[in-house]
Amino acid sequence: MLLHVDSRFLSPYALSAFVALKEKGLTFELETLSLAAQANLAPAYQRQSLTARVPMLEDGEFQLSESSAIAEYLEDAYPERPRLYPRDLRQRARARQLQAWLRSDLMALREDRNTEVVFLRPAAGTLAPEARQAANKLIAAVESLLPADGGDLFGAWCLADTDLALMLKRLQYDDVLPPRLAAYAERQWQLPAVQDWLALGRRAASA
């Protein structure tokens, strides 16, 4: 298998696909693309990915882009491997609901605190009013979902935990994130697969 990701290792969606493959225990190689150079718009890449975005997974002759589709494909294609989502139907639906929401909403927060703040540098300045409103929305939702002990969302790790931790990490330099949520995000950040991604990003940044 081959996973195409951004050369700076800043894409939250590439991280999600990378962690999914790692947690499934699947062997794969990485191919990096420079988004600054618009390598993702090369005709050959577009033909394979359909969406001209990263990540894209190649599994033999099959190519698939969009991180949510990749995760669901891996879950279905390799059911004998460790699970990415809860076994319980309703918990699994809730995890996917959370992932879909994190990918489609909170735009003001994502713009004001992009992933460079997560992976490369501290945030500069205070949150814009619209970003703070989005942060408050995020925090309210997480506080209603997170177990009292601050552990994994559904009693055991799932891919939604990693996606949520990344979104919370956007607020790591601001004063709005409650300590319980900050501690949850930091614990999720210690997942070996996440640490592997961070190490790749550090090497890319120093090259």
Protein backbone atom coordinates (compact mmCIF):
# COMPACT_ATOMS: atom_id res chain seq x y z
CA MET A 1 0.00 0.00 0.00
CA LEU A 2 1.03 3.58 -0.64
CA LEU A 3 -0.27 6.68 1.15
CA HIS A 4 0.16 10.08 -0.49
CA VAL A 5 0.45 12.94 2.03
CA ASP A 6 1.55 16.58 2.07
CA SER A 7 5.30 17.11 2.16
CA ARG A 8 5.09 19.35 5.25
CA PHE A 9 2.98 16.86 7.23
CA LEU A 10 0.45 19.54 8.15
CA SER A 11 -2.75 18.02 6.80
CA PRO A 12 -5.12 16.86 9.56
CA TYR A 13 -6.75 14.53 7.07
CA ALA A 14 -3.44 12.95 6.05
CA LEU A 15 -2.66 12.46 9.74
CA SER A 16 -6.01 10.70 10.20
CA ALA A 17 -5.34 8.31 7.31
CA PHE A 18 -1.77 7.70 8.50
CA VAL A 19 -2.97 6.83 12.01
CA ALA A 20 -5.69 4.58 10.58
CA LEU A 21 -3.11 2.55 8.66
CA LYS A 22 -0.77 2.38 11.63
CA GLU A 23 -3.48 1.32 14.05
CA LYS A 24 -4.64 -1.36 11.62
CA GLY A 25 -1.07 -2.67 11.64
CA LEU A 26 -0.85 -2.51 7.87
CA THR A 27 2.42 -2.19 5.97
CA PHE A 28 2.54 0.86 3.73
CA GLU A 29 4.89 3.38 2.19
CA LEU A 30 4.59 7.16 2.08
CA GLU A 31 4.74 9.42 -0.95
CA THR A 32 4.88 13.15 -0.24
CA LEU A 33 3.51 15.90 -2.45
CA SER A 34 4.33 19.59 -2.29
CA LEU A 35 1.01 21.37 -2.05
CA ALA A 36 2.83 24.70 -2.40
CA ALA A 37 4.04 23.54 -5.80
CA GLN A 38 0.54 22.22 -6.58
CA ALA A 39 1.85 18.71 -7.16
CA ASN A 40 -1.62 17.48 -6.29
CA LEU A 41 -2.93 19.16 -9.45
CA ALA A 42 -0.69 17.14 -11.74
CA PRO A 43 -2.91 15.34 -14.27
CA ALA A 44 -1.71 11.87 -13.32
CA TYR A 45 -2.42 12.48 -9.63
CA GLN A 46 -5.84 13.98 -10.33
CA ARG A 47 -6.81 10.98 -12.42
CA GLN A 48 -6.03 8.67 -9.55
CA SER A 49 -7.41 10.70 -6.65
CA LEU A 50 -10.53 12.19 -8.32
CA THR A 51 -10.49 15.05 -5.78
CA ALA A 52 -6.89 16.24 -6.34
CA ARG A 53 -6.32 16.29 -2.61
CA VAL A 54 -4.32 14.50 0.04
CA PRO A 55 -4.43 11.97 1.46
CA MET A 56 -4.80 9.35 -1.23
CA LEU A 57 -4.41 5.65 -0.59
CA GLU A 58 -3.28 3.13 -3.16
CA ASP A 59 -4.12 -0.46 -2.28
CA GLY A 60 -2.93 -2.49 -5.23
CA GLU A 61 -4.81 -1.24 -8.28
CA PHE A 62 -7.36 0.64 -6.16
CA GLN A 63 -6.97 4.34 -5.40
CA LEU A 64 -9.04 6.26 -2.87
CA SER A 65 -8.93 9.81 -1.56
CA GLU A 66 -10.73 11.57 1.33
CA SER A 67 -9.66 10.49 4.80
CA SER A 68 -13.12 9.46 6.00
CA ALA A 69 -13.55 7.19 2.98
CA ILE A 70 -10.06 5.75 3.51
CA ALA A 71 -10.80 4.92 7.16
CA GLU A 72 -14.10 3.25 6.32
CA TYR A 73 -12.48 1.30 3.49
CA LEU A 74 -9.71 0.04 5.79
CA GLU A 75 -12.25 -0.94 8.44
CA ASP A 76 -14.26 -2.96 5.93
CA ALA A 77 -11.36 -4.35 3.90
CA TYR A 78 -9.35 -5.55 6.90
CA PRO A 79 -11.93 -6.53 9.55
CA GLU A 80 -9.54 -9.01 11.15
CA ARG A 81 -7.22 -6.15 12.09
CA PRO A 82 -7.65 -3.88 15.15
CA ARG A 83 -10.75 -1.74 14.87
CA LEU A 84 -10.77 1.96 14.03
CA TYR A 85 -14.35 2.48 15.24
CA PRO A 86 -16.46 1.15 18.13
CA ARG A 87 -18.21 -2.18 17.66
CA ASP A 88 -21.44 -0.80 19.08
CA LEU A 89 -23.63 0.52 16.26
CA ARG A 90 -24.69 3.73 18.00
CA GLN A 91 -21.25 4.54 19.32
CA ARG A 92 -19.84 3.96 15.84
CA ALA A 93 -22.45 6.29 14.37
CA ARG A 94 -21.60 8.92 17.00
CA ALA A 95 -17.90 8.65 16.23
CA ARG A 96 -18.56 9.16 12.52
CA GLN A 97 -20.92 12.03 13.29
CA LEU A 98 -18.16 13.72 15.27
CA GLN A 99 -15.62 13.22 12.50
CA ALA A 100 -17.99 14.57 9.84
CA TRP A 101 -18.72 17.62 11.99
CA LEU A 102 -15.04 18.35 12.64
CA ARG A 103 -14.41 18.23 8.88
CA SER A 104 -17.35 20.41 7.83
CA ASP A 105 -17.88 23.02 10.57
CA LEU A 106 -15.86 25.35 12.83
CA MET A 107 -14.34 27.05 9.80
CA ALA A 108 -13.55 30.27 11.67
CA LEU A 109 -11.50 28.32 14.20
CA ARG A 110 -9.73 26.30 11.51
CA GLU A 111 -8.79 29.49 9.67
CA ASP A 112 -7.69 31.43 12.75
CA ARG A 113 -5.74 28.50 14.20
CA ASN A 114 -4.49 26.50 11.25
CA THR A 115 -2.45 23.35 11.63
CA GLU A 116 0.84 25.25 11.66
CA VAL A 117 -0.24 26.19 15.21
CA VAL A 118 -0.63 22.51 15.98
CA PHE A 119 2.58 21.25 14.42
CA LEU A 120 5.06 24.11 13.94
CA ARG A 121 4.66 27.29 15.94
CA PRO A 122 2.75 28.97 18.78
CA ALA A 123 -0.34 30.97 17.95
CA ALA A 124 0.10 34.70 17.49
CA GLY A 125 -2.45 37.07 19.00
CA THR A 126 -5.83 36.33 20.48
CA LEU A 127 -8.67 34.44 18.90
CA ALA A 128 -10.85 36.43 16.54
CA PRO A 129 -14.46 36.78 17.79
CA GLU A 130 -15.80 34.31 15.22
CA ALA A 131 -13.05 31.82 16.09
CA ARG A 132 -13.80 32.15 19.79
CA GLN A 133 -17.46 31.49 19.09
CA ALA A 134 -16.51 28.34 17.16
CA ALA A 135 -14.16 27.30 19.98
CA ASN A 136 -16.97 27.66 22.50
CA LYS A 137 -19.20 25.51 20.29
CA LEU A 138 -16.48 22.87 20.07
CA ILE A 139 -15.84 22.89 23.81
CA ALA A 140 -19.54 22.55 24.66
CA ALA A 141 -19.88 19.55 22.37
CA VAL A 142 -16.76 17.84 23.69
CA GLU A 143 -17.71 18.36 27.31
CA SER A 144 -21.01 16.61 26.64
CA LEU A 145 -19.23 13.63 25.01
CA LEU A 146 -16.07 13.16 27.03
CA PRO A 147 -16.30 10.64 29.90
CA ALA A 148 -15.95 12.00 33.39
CA ASP A 149 -12.53 10.38 33.75
CA GLY A 150 -11.29 12.14 30.61
CA GLY A 151 -10.53 8.84 28.91
CA ASP A 152 -11.28 7.78 25.35
CA LEU A 153 -14.59 8.95 23.93
CA PHE A 154 -16.21 5.51 23.77
CA GLY A 155 -14.31 3.53 26.37
CA ALA A 156 -11.52 2.50 24.01
CA TRP A 157 -9.51 4.42 21.44
CA CYS A 158 -11.06 5.07 18.06
CA LEU A 159 -10.04 7.25 15.15
CA ALA A 160 -12.44 10.00 16.25
CA ASP A 161 -10.24 10.48 19.34
CA THR A 162 -7.27 11.41 17.16
CA ASP A 163 -9.31 13.73 14.96
CA LEU A 164 -10.82 15.45 17.98
CA ALA A 165 -7.47 15.82 19.72
CA LEU A 166 -6.08 17.60 16.68
CA MET A 167 -8.96 20.05 16.67
CA LEU A 168 -8.50 20.74 20.37
CA LYS A 169 -4.77 21.20 19.84
CA ARG A 170 -5.57 24.25 17.73
CA LEU A 171 -6.44 25.92 21.04
CA GLN A 172 -3.37 24.79 22.97
CA TYR A 173 -1.98 28.34 23.20
CA ASP A 174 -5.27 30.02 24.08
CA ASP A 175 -7.02 30.51 27.40
CA VAL A 176 -10.37 29.05 26.41
CA LEU A 177 -9.57 25.32 26.59
CA PRO A 178 -10.60 23.74 29.92
CA PRO A 179 -7.78 21.78 31.60
CA ARG A 180 -9.71 18.48 31.36
CA LEU A 181 -9.99 18.84 27.58
CA ALA A 182 -6.37 19.92 27.25
CA ALA A 183 -5.29 16.85 29.23
CA TYR A 184 -7.45 14.59 27.04
CA ALA A 185 -5.92 16.03 23.86
CA GLU A 186 -2.39 15.62 25.22
CA ARG A 187 -3.03 11.98 26.15
CA GLN A 188 -4.35 11.27 22.67
CA TRP A 189 -1.29 13.01 21.22
CA GLN A 190 0.92 10.39 22.85
CA LEU A 191 -0.49 7.62 20.65
CA PRO A 192 2.57 6.02 19.00
CA ALA A 193 1.11 6.51 15.52
CA VAL A 194 0.64 10.23 16.19
CA GLN A 195 4.17 10.48 17.53
CA ASP A 196 5.45 8.80 14.36
CA TRP A 197 3.67 11.47 12.30
CA LEU A 198 5.13 14.25 14.43
CA ALA A 199 8.62 12.82 13.96
CA LEU A 200 8.14 12.84 10.18
CA GLY A 201 7.02 16.46 10.35
CA ARG A 202 10.04 17.46 12.40
CA ARG A 203 12.37 15.84 9.89
CA ALA A 204 10.61 17.60 7.02
CA ALA A 205 10.82 20.96 8.79
CA SER A 206 14.55 20.59 9.43
CA ALA A 207 15.44 19.39 5.95
